[in-house]
Amino acid sequence: MSLFDVLGSKARLRILQEISSRPRYVSELAEQVGMDGKTAVHHLSVLEEADLVESYRVGRRKYYRLVKVVELRAIPRPDRTFVLHAQDAEPDHPGDTDTV
C-alpha cells in the first residue's frame, strides 16, 4: 500500500494527530477518535505496516507511538511538484524516543 493510500483515510489521519503529541494505548485512542477498538486496531495495523507507528506493551496495555515525520509538499507552477515524504523522527533529547 502506498503512503498516499495509507494517509488517504480520515480515520488514520485522526489517529496520527492524536499520537503525534504522545503515545496512546488502543482503547484511549479509540475513544479519542470516536471509533470502536476493533476499527482502531485495524487502522493502527495499517499505520504500523507502513512503518509510521510502532507499538510496545506496558503491562496489559498496548501503546502506539509515531516514529516518522510525515510531510506533504504541493508546489505550484512552474515546478508543479506534489510530494508526500516520510522520514525517521529525531528524538528531542538523546535517548528520548517517545516525543516527535
Protein backbone atom coordinates (compact mmCIF):
# COMPACT_ATOMS: atom_id res chain seq x y z
CA MET A 1 0.00 0.00 0.00
CA SER A 2 1.42 3.40 -0.95
CA LEU A 3 1.88 6.21 1.54
CA PHE A 4 -0.88 8.10 -0.29
CA ASP A 5 -3.25 5.16 0.28
CA VAL A 6 -2.27 4.87 3.95
CA LEU A 7 -2.80 8.56 4.59
CA GLY A 8 -5.90 8.77 2.40
CA SER A 9 -8.02 7.67 5.35
CA LYS A 10 -9.52 10.37 7.55
CA ALA A 11 -9.57 7.90 10.46
CA ARG A 12 -5.84 7.17 10.13
CA LEU A 13 -5.04 10.87 9.92
CA ARG A 14 -7.01 11.45 13.14
CA ILE A 15 -5.08 8.64 14.82
CA LEU A 16 -1.75 10.14 13.69
CA GLN A 17 -2.85 13.52 15.00
CA GLU A 18 -3.62 12.02 18.41
CA ILE A 19 -0.36 10.10 18.77
CA SER A 20 1.78 12.95 17.46
CA SER A 21 1.66 14.57 20.90
CA ARG A 22 2.34 11.41 22.93
CA PRO A 23 1.96 7.63 22.79
CA ARG A 24 -1.52 6.30 23.49
CA TYR A 25 -2.99 2.90 24.23
CA VAL A 26 -5.61 1.38 21.95
CA SER A 27 -8.78 1.97 23.95
CA GLU A 28 -7.72 5.54 24.75
CA LEU A 29 -7.09 6.21 21.06
CA ALA A 30 -10.38 4.62 20.02
CA GLU A 31 -12.25 6.85 22.45
CA GLN A 32 -10.35 9.98 21.39
CA VAL A 33 -11.10 9.50 17.69
CA GLY A 34 -14.62 8.13 18.14
CA MET A 35 -14.35 4.56 16.88
CA ASP A 36 -14.61 1.09 18.35
CA GLY A 37 -11.48 -0.77 19.42
CA LYS A 38 -11.56 -3.28 16.56
CA THR A 39 -11.65 -0.50 13.96
CA ALA A 40 -8.85 1.38 15.74
CA VAL A 41 -6.69 -1.77 15.79
CA HIS A 42 -7.27 -2.22 12.04
CA HIS A 43 -6.13 1.34 11.27
CA LEU A 44 -3.20 1.07 13.67
CA SER A 45 -2.11 -2.14 11.93
CA VAL A 46 -2.10 -0.34 8.56
CA LEU A 47 -0.04 2.50 10.05
CA GLU A 48 2.35 0.00 11.64
CA GLU A 49 2.78 -1.92 8.36
CA ALA A 50 3.65 1.42 6.70
CA ASP A 51 6.33 1.93 9.40
CA LEU A 52 4.76 5.20 10.54
CA VAL A 53 3.99 3.98 14.05
CA GLU A 54 5.31 1.32 16.38
CA SER A 55 3.77 -0.42 19.33
CA TYR A 56 5.02 -1.52 22.71
CA ARG A 57 3.42 -3.02 25.78
CA VAL A 58 3.25 -1.77 29.34
CA GLY A 59 1.51 -4.40 31.39
CA ARG A 60 -1.63 -5.41 29.55
CA ARG A 61 -1.87 -2.18 27.54
CA LYS A 62 -0.54 -1.87 24.02
CA TYR A 63 0.71 1.63 23.24
CA TYR A 64 1.35 3.18 19.85
CA ARG A 65 3.76 5.99 19.06
CA LEU A 66 4.59 7.95 15.93
CA VAL A 67 8.09 7.16 14.63
CA LYS A 68 8.15 9.03 11.32
CA VAL A 69 7.87 12.66 10.33
CA VAL A 70 5.32 12.88 7.51
CA GLU A 71 5.46 15.88 5.20
CA LEU A 72 3.29 16.82 2.23
CA ARG A 73 4.57 19.41 -0.24
CA ALA A 74 2.45 20.83 -3.04
CA ILE A 75 4.36 23.31 -5.19
CA PRO A 76 2.59 25.35 -7.91
CA ARG A 77 3.85 26.05 -11.42
CA PRO A 78 6.39 26.04 -12.93
CA ASP A 79 7.66 23.08 -10.87
CA ARG A 80 4.20 21.57 -10.22
CA THR A 81 5.53 19.15 -7.65
CA PHE A 82 3.41 17.08 -5.30
CA VAL A 83 5.45 15.09 -2.81
CA LEU A 84 4.48 13.02 0.21
CA HIS A 85 7.52 12.11 2.26
CA ALA A 86 8.11 10.20 5.48
CA GLN A 87 11.38 10.07 7.36
CA ASP A 88 12.56 8.81 10.73
CA ALA A 89 11.79 11.17 13.57
CA GLU A 90 14.72 12.52 15.51
CA PRO A 91 14.32 12.44 19.30
CA ASP A 92 14.21 15.80 21.07
CA HIS A 93 16.77 14.57 23.57
CA PRO A 94 19.31 11.76 23.32
CA GLY A 95 17.60 8.52 24.28
CA ASP A 96 14.11 10.06 24.08
CA THR A 97 12.02 8.07 21.57
CA ASP A 98 8.54 8.95 22.83
CA THR A 99 8.49 12.55 21.61
CA VAL A 100 8.16 13.55 17.97
